[in-house]
N, C-alpha and C. Protein backbone atom coordinates (compact mmCIF):
# COMPACT_ATOMS: atom_id res chain seq x y z
N MET A 1 24.32 139.95 128.77
CA MET A 1 24.36 139.41 130.11
C MET A 1 22.97 139.00 130.56
N SER A 2 22.89 138.04 131.40
CA SER A 2 21.61 137.51 131.83
C SER A 2 21.11 138.13 133.13
N GLY A 3 21.64 139.24 133.56
CA GLY A 3 21.19 139.87 134.79
C GLY A 3 21.94 139.43 136.03
N ARG A 4 22.76 138.40 135.89
CA ARG A 4 23.56 137.97 137.04
C ARG A 4 24.86 138.74 137.06
N SER A 5 25.29 139.10 138.26
CA SER A 5 26.58 139.77 138.38
C SER A 5 27.60 138.80 138.93
N THR A 6 28.81 139.04 138.58
CA THR A 6 29.90 138.19 139.04
C THR A 6 30.75 138.97 140.01
N ARG A 7 31.05 138.36 141.14
CA ARG A 7 31.92 139.00 142.12
C ARG A 7 33.17 138.16 142.28
N VAL A 8 34.28 138.83 142.38
CA VAL A 8 35.53 138.14 142.65
C VAL A 8 35.78 138.28 144.14
N LEU A 9 35.88 137.16 144.81
CA LEU A 9 36.12 137.18 146.25
C LEU A 9 37.57 136.85 146.52
N LYS A 10 38.19 137.66 147.35
CA LYS A 10 39.56 137.39 147.76
C LYS A 10 39.53 136.86 149.18
N SER A 11 40.15 135.75 149.39
CA SER A 11 40.20 135.18 150.72
C SER A 11 41.30 135.86 151.51
N PRO A 12 40.98 136.40 152.69
CA PRO A 12 42.00 137.07 153.49
C PRO A 12 42.92 136.10 154.22
N THR A 13 42.52 134.83 154.32
CA THR A 13 43.35 133.87 155.03
C THR A 13 43.42 132.56 154.25
N ILE A 14 44.43 131.80 154.59
CA ILE A 14 44.58 130.45 154.05
C ILE A 14 44.61 129.53 155.26
N GLU A 15 43.86 128.44 155.21
CA GLU A 15 43.88 127.50 156.30
C GLU A 15 44.81 126.34 155.93
N LEU A 16 45.72 126.05 156.81
CA LEU A 16 46.66 124.97 156.59
C LEU A 16 46.56 123.98 157.74
N PHE A 17 46.65 122.72 157.45
CA PHE A 17 46.70 121.71 158.50
C PHE A 17 48.16 121.42 158.78
N VAL A 18 48.57 121.69 160.00
CA VAL A 18 49.97 121.58 160.39
C VAL A 18 50.10 120.45 161.39
N PRO A 19 51.02 119.51 161.18
CA PRO A 19 51.19 118.42 162.13
C PRO A 19 51.57 118.92 163.52
N VAL A 20 50.93 118.37 164.54
CA VAL A 20 51.24 118.74 165.91
C VAL A 20 52.25 117.76 166.50
N ASP A 21 52.19 116.51 166.08
CA ASP A 21 53.15 115.53 166.58
C ASP A 21 53.74 114.76 165.40
N SER A 22 54.77 113.99 165.70
CA SER A 22 55.49 113.30 164.63
C SER A 22 54.66 112.20 163.97
N SER A 23 53.64 111.72 164.64
CA SER A 23 52.82 110.66 164.04
C SER A 23 51.83 111.22 163.04
N ARG A 24 51.70 112.54 162.99
CA ARG A 24 50.79 113.22 162.07
C ARG A 24 49.34 112.82 162.29
N SER A 25 49.04 112.22 163.44
CA SER A 25 47.67 111.80 163.68
C SER A 25 46.81 112.98 164.15
N ARG A 26 47.45 113.97 164.72
CA ARG A 26 46.70 115.15 165.15
C ARG A 26 47.22 116.35 164.39
N CYS A 27 46.32 117.21 164.01
CA CYS A 27 46.70 118.42 163.30
C CYS A 27 45.95 119.60 163.88
N ARG A 28 46.47 120.76 163.67
CA ARG A 28 45.75 121.97 164.04
C ARG A 28 45.68 122.86 162.81
N ILE A 29 44.79 123.79 162.84
CA ILE A 29 44.64 124.70 161.71
C ILE A 29 45.41 125.96 161.99
N ALA A 30 46.25 126.35 161.06
CA ALA A 30 46.98 127.61 161.15
C ALA A 30 46.37 128.55 160.12
N ARG A 31 46.01 129.73 160.54
CA ARG A 31 45.44 130.71 159.62
C ARG A 31 46.49 131.78 159.35
N MET A 32 46.67 132.10 158.08
CA MET A 32 47.66 133.10 157.70
C MET A 32 47.06 134.05 156.70
N LYS A 33 47.50 135.29 156.78
CA LYS A 33 47.10 136.24 155.75
C LYS A 33 47.82 135.85 154.47
N SER A 34 47.19 136.04 153.38
CA SER A 34 47.74 135.60 152.11
C SER A 34 48.18 136.77 151.26
N PRO A 35 49.32 136.70 150.69
CA PRO A 35 50.62 136.17 151.11
C PRO A 35 51.47 137.24 151.79
N GLU A 36 50.82 138.29 152.31
CA GLU A 36 51.55 139.40 152.94
C GLU A 36 52.61 138.96 153.93
N ILE A 37 52.26 138.01 154.77
CA ILE A 37 53.17 137.62 155.85
C ILE A 37 54.46 137.02 155.32
N VAL A 38 54.43 136.41 154.15
CA VAL A 38 55.63 135.74 153.63
C VAL A 38 56.37 136.55 152.56
N GLU A 39 55.81 137.65 152.14
CA GLU A 39 56.44 138.45 151.09
C GLU A 39 57.87 138.90 151.41
N PRO A 40 58.21 139.19 152.69
CA PRO A 40 59.60 139.55 152.97
C PRO A 40 60.61 138.47 152.58
N LEU A 41 60.16 137.22 152.48
CA LEU A 41 61.07 136.12 152.10
C LEU A 41 61.63 136.29 150.70
N GLU A 42 61.02 137.14 149.89
CA GLU A 42 61.51 137.35 148.53
C GLU A 42 62.77 138.22 148.49
N HIS A 43 63.18 138.70 149.65
CA HIS A 43 64.40 139.51 149.76
C HIS A 43 65.35 138.82 150.73
N PRO A 44 66.65 139.10 150.64
CA PRO A 44 67.60 138.47 151.55
C PRO A 44 67.30 138.81 153.02
N LEU A 45 67.65 137.90 153.90
CA LEU A 45 67.45 138.10 155.33
C LEU A 45 68.11 139.39 155.80
N ALA A 46 69.26 139.72 155.27
CA ALA A 46 69.99 140.92 155.69
C ALA A 46 69.20 142.20 155.42
N GLU A 47 68.27 142.16 154.47
CA GLU A 47 67.46 143.33 154.16
C GLU A 47 66.23 143.45 155.04
N PHE A 48 65.94 142.43 155.85
CA PHE A 48 64.76 142.45 156.71
C PHE A 48 65.03 143.40 157.86
N SER A 49 64.15 144.37 158.05
CA SER A 49 64.43 145.45 159.00
C SER A 49 63.69 145.33 160.32
N SER A 50 63.10 144.20 160.63
CA SER A 50 62.38 144.05 161.88
C SER A 50 63.20 143.20 162.84
N THR A 51 62.59 142.82 163.96
CA THR A 51 63.30 142.05 164.98
C THR A 51 63.47 140.59 164.56
N ALA A 52 64.35 139.91 165.27
CA ALA A 52 64.58 138.49 164.98
C ALA A 52 63.32 137.67 165.22
N GLY A 53 62.53 138.03 166.23
CA GLY A 53 61.28 137.33 166.50
C GLY A 53 60.32 137.43 165.34
N CYS A 54 60.25 138.60 164.75
CA CYS A 54 59.38 138.79 163.58
C CYS A 54 59.92 137.99 162.39
N ALA A 55 61.23 137.96 162.23
CA ALA A 55 61.83 137.19 161.14
C ALA A 55 61.49 135.71 161.32
N ARG A 56 61.52 135.24 162.55
CA ARG A 56 61.17 133.86 162.84
C ARG A 56 59.73 133.58 162.42
N GLU A 57 58.81 134.48 162.73
CA GLU A 57 57.41 134.29 162.37
C GLU A 57 57.22 134.25 160.86
N VAL A 58 57.97 135.07 160.14
CA VAL A 58 57.90 135.07 158.68
C VAL A 58 58.37 133.72 158.15
N VAL A 59 59.47 133.21 158.69
CA VAL A 59 60.01 131.92 158.25
C VAL A 59 59.05 130.78 158.59
N VAL A 60 58.49 130.80 159.78
CA VAL A 60 57.54 129.75 160.17
C VAL A 60 56.34 129.77 159.22
N ALA A 61 55.83 130.94 158.90
CA ALA A 61 54.71 131.04 157.96
C ALA A 61 55.12 130.48 156.59
N GLY A 62 56.33 130.79 156.14
CA GLY A 62 56.81 130.26 154.87
C GLY A 62 56.95 128.75 154.88
N LEU A 63 57.46 128.21 155.98
CA LEU A 63 57.63 126.76 156.07
C LEU A 63 56.29 126.04 156.13
N ARG A 64 55.26 126.69 156.63
CA ARG A 64 53.93 126.10 156.71
C ARG A 64 53.11 126.30 155.44
N TRP A 65 53.61 127.12 154.53
CA TRP A 65 52.85 127.42 153.31
C TRP A 65 52.72 126.17 152.46
N PRO A 66 51.59 125.98 151.77
CA PRO A 66 51.38 124.73 151.03
C PRO A 66 52.12 124.64 149.70
N THR A 67 52.82 125.70 149.31
CA THR A 67 53.55 125.63 148.04
C THR A 67 55.05 125.63 148.29
N ALA A 68 55.77 125.00 147.39
CA ALA A 68 57.22 124.89 147.52
C ALA A 68 57.92 126.24 147.42
N TYR A 69 57.32 127.19 146.70
CA TYR A 69 57.97 128.49 146.50
C TYR A 69 58.28 129.16 147.83
N TRP A 70 57.26 129.33 148.68
CA TRP A 70 57.47 130.02 149.95
C TRP A 70 58.31 129.18 150.91
N CYS A 71 58.13 127.87 150.89
CA CYS A 71 58.96 127.00 151.73
C CYS A 71 60.43 127.13 151.36
N SER A 72 60.71 127.17 150.08
CA SER A 72 62.09 127.28 149.61
C SER A 72 62.71 128.61 150.05
N LEU A 73 61.94 129.68 149.94
CA LEU A 73 62.46 130.99 150.37
C LEU A 73 62.69 131.02 151.88
N ALA A 74 61.84 130.35 152.64
CA ALA A 74 62.03 130.27 154.09
C ALA A 74 63.30 129.49 154.41
N VAL A 75 63.53 128.41 153.69
CA VAL A 75 64.76 127.63 153.88
C VAL A 75 65.98 128.49 153.52
N ASP A 76 65.85 129.34 152.50
CA ASP A 76 66.94 130.27 152.15
C ASP A 76 67.33 131.11 153.36
N TRP A 77 66.33 131.66 154.07
CA TRP A 77 66.63 132.50 155.23
C TRP A 77 67.32 131.69 156.33
N LEU A 78 66.92 130.44 156.50
CA LEU A 78 67.58 129.59 157.50
C LEU A 78 69.02 129.33 157.09
N GLU A 79 69.25 129.15 155.80
CA GLU A 79 70.62 128.95 155.30
C GLU A 79 71.45 130.22 155.44
N GLN A 80 70.78 131.37 155.47
CA GLN A 80 71.48 132.65 155.63
C GLN A 80 71.76 132.97 157.09
N GLY A 81 71.33 132.10 158.01
CA GLY A 81 71.74 132.27 159.39
C GLY A 81 70.67 132.54 160.42
N LEU A 82 69.40 132.53 160.04
CA LEU A 82 68.35 132.72 161.05
C LEU A 82 68.38 131.53 162.01
N PRO A 83 68.33 131.78 163.31
CA PRO A 83 68.39 130.67 164.29
C PRO A 83 67.23 129.68 164.11
N VAL A 84 67.54 128.42 164.38
CA VAL A 84 66.56 127.34 164.24
C VAL A 84 66.16 126.88 165.63
N ASP A 85 64.85 126.87 165.90
CA ASP A 85 64.36 126.38 167.19
C ASP A 85 63.61 125.06 166.98
N ASP A 86 63.06 124.51 168.06
CA ASP A 86 62.40 123.20 167.98
C ASP A 86 61.21 123.19 167.03
N ASP A 87 60.42 124.27 167.02
CA ASP A 87 59.27 124.34 166.12
C ASP A 87 59.72 124.32 164.66
N ILE A 88 60.76 125.06 164.36
CA ILE A 88 61.28 125.10 162.99
C ILE A 88 61.85 123.74 162.60
N VAL A 89 62.51 123.07 163.53
CA VAL A 89 63.05 121.73 163.27
C VAL A 89 61.92 120.78 162.86
N GLU A 90 60.79 120.85 163.57
CA GLU A 90 59.65 119.98 163.22
C GLU A 90 59.12 120.29 161.82
N LEU A 91 59.04 121.58 161.48
CA LEU A 91 58.57 121.96 160.15
C LEU A 91 59.54 121.50 159.07
N LEU A 92 60.84 121.61 159.34
CA LEU A 92 61.85 121.14 158.38
C LEU A 92 61.74 119.64 158.16
N GLU A 93 61.51 118.91 159.23
CA GLU A 93 61.35 117.46 159.11
C GLU A 93 60.13 117.12 158.23
N ALA A 94 59.03 117.85 158.44
CA ALA A 94 57.82 117.61 157.64
C ALA A 94 58.08 117.91 156.17
N ILE A 95 58.81 118.98 155.88
CA ILE A 95 59.13 119.32 154.49
C ILE A 95 60.03 118.25 153.88
N ALA A 96 61.03 117.80 154.65
CA ALA A 96 61.95 116.78 154.15
C ALA A 96 61.24 115.48 153.80
N LYS A 97 60.14 115.18 154.50
CA LYS A 97 59.39 113.95 154.26
C LYS A 97 58.28 114.10 153.22
N ASN A 98 57.99 115.32 152.83
CA ASN A 98 56.88 115.58 151.91
C ASN A 98 57.32 115.37 150.46
N ARG A 99 56.95 114.26 149.87
CA ARG A 99 57.35 113.95 148.50
C ARG A 99 56.66 114.82 147.46
N GLY A 100 55.73 115.66 147.91
CA GLY A 100 55.08 116.59 146.99
C GLY A 100 55.96 117.80 146.68
N PHE A 101 57.00 117.99 147.49
CA PHE A 101 57.93 119.09 147.28
C PHE A 101 59.10 118.62 146.41
N PRO A 102 59.76 119.54 145.71
CA PRO A 102 60.92 119.17 144.89
C PRO A 102 62.03 118.54 145.74
N GLN A 103 62.75 117.63 145.14
CA GLN A 103 63.82 116.92 145.85
C GLN A 103 64.86 117.89 146.42
N ASN A 104 65.22 118.90 145.65
CA ASN A 104 66.22 119.87 146.10
C ASN A 104 65.77 120.55 147.41
N LEU A 105 64.51 120.95 147.48
CA LEU A 105 63.98 121.57 148.69
C LEU A 105 63.99 120.59 149.85
N ARG A 106 63.57 119.37 149.61
CA ARG A 106 63.56 118.36 150.68
C ARG A 106 64.96 118.11 151.21
N HIS A 107 65.95 118.07 150.33
CA HIS A 107 67.34 117.82 150.76
C HIS A 107 67.89 119.02 151.56
N ARG A 108 67.57 120.22 151.12
CA ARG A 108 68.02 121.42 151.85
C ARG A 108 67.40 121.45 153.25
N ALA A 109 66.11 121.14 153.33
CA ALA A 109 65.42 121.11 154.63
C ALA A 109 66.01 120.03 155.51
N LEU A 110 66.30 118.87 154.94
CA LEU A 110 66.89 117.76 155.70
C LEU A 110 68.27 118.13 156.21
N SER A 111 69.06 118.82 155.41
CA SER A 111 70.39 119.23 155.81
C SER A 111 70.34 120.15 157.04
N ILE A 112 69.46 121.13 157.02
CA ILE A 112 69.33 122.04 158.16
C ILE A 112 68.78 121.27 159.36
N TYR A 113 67.83 120.39 159.12
CA TYR A 113 67.26 119.56 160.19
C TYR A 113 68.36 118.76 160.89
N LYS A 114 69.21 118.09 160.10
CA LYS A 114 70.27 117.27 160.68
C LYS A 114 71.28 118.11 161.46
N ARG A 115 71.65 119.27 160.93
CA ARG A 115 72.59 120.16 161.64
C ARG A 115 72.00 120.64 162.96
N SER A 116 70.70 120.82 163.00
CA SER A 116 70.03 121.39 164.18
C SER A 116 69.70 120.35 165.24
N THR A 117 69.77 119.08 164.90
CA THR A 117 69.42 118.03 165.86
C THR A 117 70.62 117.27 166.37
N LYS A 118 71.81 117.73 166.05
CA LYS A 118 73.03 117.05 166.53
C LYS A 118 73.21 117.26 168.01
């Protein structure tokens, strides 16, 4: 070794740019703990033991996550019956339009979006 030490740094947060309006011209930064906040999504909604408000926050964090894995699990919870509000509808629309996500995920998000905007 040359006398230099190597440190592994773990980032406690992930910064995501989340659209504030439909034109996507303005964004805000959402900071989330990584990935603790979304880990409950790996289990069925029925096994979640906290309040509905907390479940909503977990789903919103999953829908805002930059990878399809957490977004897909969040959509699973919505398909299992978690109520959809206006903020979630906007996130679903953004996922449905994001060609970086798998087609299956985009279609599932679009389906919930359409049901929620009737």
